[in-house]
Amino acid sequence: MKRSVLSRSVADTLWIGQKLGEGTFPGAVLALWGGLGAGKTALTRGIAQGMGIMLPVSSPTFTLVHQMPGPRILYHMDLYRLQDAEEALMAGLAEMWDGDGVTVIEWPARAQEVIPDARLDITLEFGAEGERLVTLESRSSEYDRLVEDIYENSSH
C-alpha cells in the first residue's frame, strides 16, 4: 500500500511522526528516504513522542545509532557514513532491527541489501515554500493500517 500526504510545516511533520509512533509495534522498521534537510530527524522526533519517549532527538550521524529507552526501545540509525551493507552487519545493526524495539533508519540505501524487506518506507521530498511530500509505502501488510490511518487523518 502506498499513500502520500502533504506536510506544510515542521508541526505537520511532527504530527505524522507522532501518528507513526503511536501505531508502531515490536520489531517495526521504518526506513526514511530523502535528501539532507528533508525532515527525517523531525519525523523521528515525532515518532519518539508518539512512542512516549520525551528525550531530545538528534541525528546520530557520528554515533551511527541512538538507543532511546521508553515503553519500547527506539533505535534511531543514521547510515550516511557507512560504505556498504557489510559495515552495517559488522556494526551489529541487524540485531537491533531484528529485536523487539522500533527501528528508524535514515539513509537506508547504504545497507539496502540487508535491511528487512518487511518495513515501512517513508520518502520525504521537498515541495514549495517549505512543504514536504511524505510518501508512505508499506512493504508488509502489518504496516497497512499505519499508512491508512495517517492518510485518512491528514489533509493529504
Protein backbone atom coordinates (compact mmCIF):
# COMPACT_ATOMS: atom_id res chain seq x y z
CA MET A 1 0.00 0.00 0.00
CA LYS A 2 1.29 3.43 -0.92
CA ARG A 3 -0.13 6.82 0.07
CA SER A 4 1.22 10.38 0.03
CA VAL A 5 0.40 13.24 2.38
CA LEU A 6 1.49 16.85 2.34
CA SER A 7 3.40 18.34 5.26
CA ARG A 8 3.08 22.12 5.18
CA SER A 9 5.27 22.70 8.24
CA VAL A 10 7.54 21.13 10.82
CA ALA A 11 4.45 20.79 13.03
CA ASP A 12 2.77 18.68 10.31
CA THR A 13 5.88 16.51 10.02
CA LEU A 14 5.91 16.04 13.80
CA TRP A 15 2.20 15.08 13.69
CA ILE A 16 2.87 12.45 11.01
CA GLY A 17 5.72 11.12 13.14
CA GLN A 18 3.55 11.04 16.27
CA LYS A 19 0.87 9.03 14.45
CA LEU A 20 3.55 6.62 13.25
CA GLY A 21 4.99 6.32 16.77
CA GLU A 22 1.56 5.64 18.25
CA GLY A 23 0.98 2.85 15.77
CA THR A 24 4.36 1.13 15.94
CA PHE A 25 4.70 -2.38 17.21
CA PRO A 26 7.59 -4.55 18.47
CA GLY A 27 10.04 -5.16 15.65
CA ALA A 28 8.74 -2.33 13.42
CA VAL A 29 11.27 -0.98 10.93
CA LEU A 30 10.78 2.44 9.34
CA ALA A 31 13.19 3.40 6.56
CA LEU A 32 13.43 7.16 5.94
CA TRP A 33 14.38 8.25 2.43
CA GLY A 34 15.14 11.86 1.50
CA GLY A 35 17.93 14.34 0.98
CA LEU A 36 19.73 16.48 3.51
CA GLY A 37 17.29 18.75 5.30
CA ALA A 38 14.20 16.89 4.07
CA GLY A 39 12.84 16.41 7.60
CA LYS A 40 13.94 12.88 8.53
CA THR A 41 15.11 13.85 12.01
CA ALA A 42 11.98 15.95 12.65
CA LEU A 43 9.86 12.97 11.63
CA THR A 44 11.88 10.77 14.02
CA ARG A 45 11.33 13.30 16.81
CA GLY A 46 7.58 12.88 16.26
CA ILE A 47 7.89 9.08 16.20
CA ALA A 48 9.69 9.17 19.56
CA GLN A 49 6.98 11.42 21.04
CA GLY A 50 4.26 9.11 19.71
CA MET A 51 6.02 6.20 21.41
CA GLY A 52 6.05 8.07 24.72
CA ILE A 53 9.75 8.94 24.57
CA MET A 54 10.38 12.52 25.63
CA LEU A 55 14.17 12.58 25.25
CA PRO A 56 15.67 15.04 22.77
CA VAL A 57 16.13 13.58 19.28
CA SER A 58 19.09 14.48 17.11
CA SER A 59 20.60 12.79 14.11
CA PRO A 60 23.07 10.06 15.13
CA THR A 61 25.37 10.88 12.20
CA PHE A 62 28.60 10.50 14.15
CA THR A 63 27.50 7.71 16.51
CA LEU A 64 25.57 5.59 13.96
CA VAL A 65 22.81 4.66 16.45
CA HIS A 66 20.98 6.35 19.31
CA GLN A 67 19.12 3.99 21.63
CA MET A 68 16.23 5.74 23.29
CA PRO A 69 14.53 3.97 26.19
CA GLY A 70 10.78 4.13 26.62
CA PRO A 71 7.85 1.73 26.70
CA ARG A 72 9.74 0.18 23.75
CA ILE A 73 13.30 0.98 22.77
CA LEU A 74 13.67 3.26 19.74
CA TYR A 75 16.79 2.60 17.68
CA HIS A 76 17.47 5.71 15.60
CA MET A 77 20.08 4.85 12.97
CA ASP A 78 21.87 7.13 10.53
CA LEU A 79 23.72 5.08 7.93
CA TYR A 80 25.06 8.05 5.96
CA ARG A 81 28.69 7.38 6.86
CA LEU A 82 28.60 3.65 6.04
CA GLN A 83 30.29 2.48 2.87
CA ASP A 84 28.18 -0.63 2.31
CA ALA A 85 25.82 -3.21 3.82
CA GLU A 86 28.73 -5.27 5.16
CA GLU A 87 29.63 -2.41 7.52
CA ALA A 88 26.06 -2.40 8.85
CA LEU A 89 26.27 -6.11 9.60
CA MET A 90 29.69 -5.76 11.21
CA ALA A 91 28.35 -2.97 13.43
CA GLY A 92 25.65 -5.33 14.74
CA LEU A 93 22.73 -3.29 13.40
CA ALA A 94 20.77 -6.37 12.30
CA GLU A 95 20.48 -7.42 15.94
CA MET A 96 18.62 -4.18 16.63
CA TRP A 97 16.15 -4.30 13.75
CA ASP A 98 15.51 -7.99 14.43
CA GLY A 99 14.62 -7.27 18.06
CA ASP A 100 11.52 -6.09 19.92
CA GLY A 101 12.28 -2.38 19.66
CA VAL A 102 11.32 0.03 16.91
CA THR A 103 13.99 0.90 14.36
CA VAL A 104 14.11 4.13 12.36
CA ILE A 105 16.76 4.13 9.65
CA GLU A 106 17.98 7.32 7.98
CA TRP A 107 19.90 6.81 4.72
CA PRO A 108 18.77 3.16 4.33
CA ALA A 109 20.24 2.92 0.80
CA ARG A 110 23.66 2.40 2.42
CA ALA A 111 22.51 -1.02 3.67
CA GLN A 112 19.54 -1.75 1.43
CA GLU A 113 20.69 -5.32 0.79
CA VAL A 114 20.43 -6.24 4.48
CA ILE A 115 17.64 -4.13 5.97
CA PRO A 116 14.42 -6.10 6.44
CA ASP A 117 12.13 -6.46 3.44
CA ALA A 118 9.14 -6.19 5.82
CA ARG A 119 9.25 -2.48 6.62
CA LEU A 120 7.61 0.87 6.07
CA ASP A 121 9.41 3.09 3.56
CA ILE A 122 8.87 6.81 4.14
CA THR A 123 10.10 9.21 1.49
CA LEU A 124 10.30 12.95 2.21
CA GLU A 125 10.55 15.19 -0.86
CA PHE A 126 10.94 18.95 -0.97
CA GLY A 127 7.92 20.92 -2.13
CA ALA A 128 7.06 24.59 -2.49
CA GLU A 129 7.92 27.04 0.31
CA GLY A 130 8.96 24.58 3.00
CA GLU A 131 6.38 21.93 2.17
CA ARG A 132 7.25 18.25 2.06
CA LEU A 133 5.53 15.45 0.22
CA VAL A 134 5.63 12.46 2.55
CA THR A 135 5.07 9.14 0.81
CA LEU A 136 4.39 6.10 2.97
CA GLU A 137 4.87 2.72 1.32
CA SER A 138 4.09 -0.45 3.23
CA ARG A 139 6.40 -3.33 2.33
CA SER A 140 4.36 -5.70 4.52
CA SER A 141 0.66 -5.88 5.34
CA GLU A 142 1.37 -5.24 9.02
CA TYR A 143 2.13 -1.60 8.11
CA ASP A 144 -1.01 -1.03 6.01
CA ARG A 145 -3.07 0.17 8.99
CA LEU A 146 -0.43 2.81 9.81
CA VAL A 147 -0.41 4.10 6.25
CA GLU A 148 -4.22 4.26 6.05
CA ASP A 149 -4.56 5.93 9.46
CA ILE A 150 -2.18 8.74 8.55
CA TYR A 151 -3.73 9.21 5.11
CA GLU A 152 -7.31 9.28 6.43
CA ASN A 153 -6.49 11.75 9.23
CA SER A 154 -4.38 14.18 7.20
CA SER A 155 -5.44 16.87 4.78
CA HIS A 156 -3.37 14.99 2.12
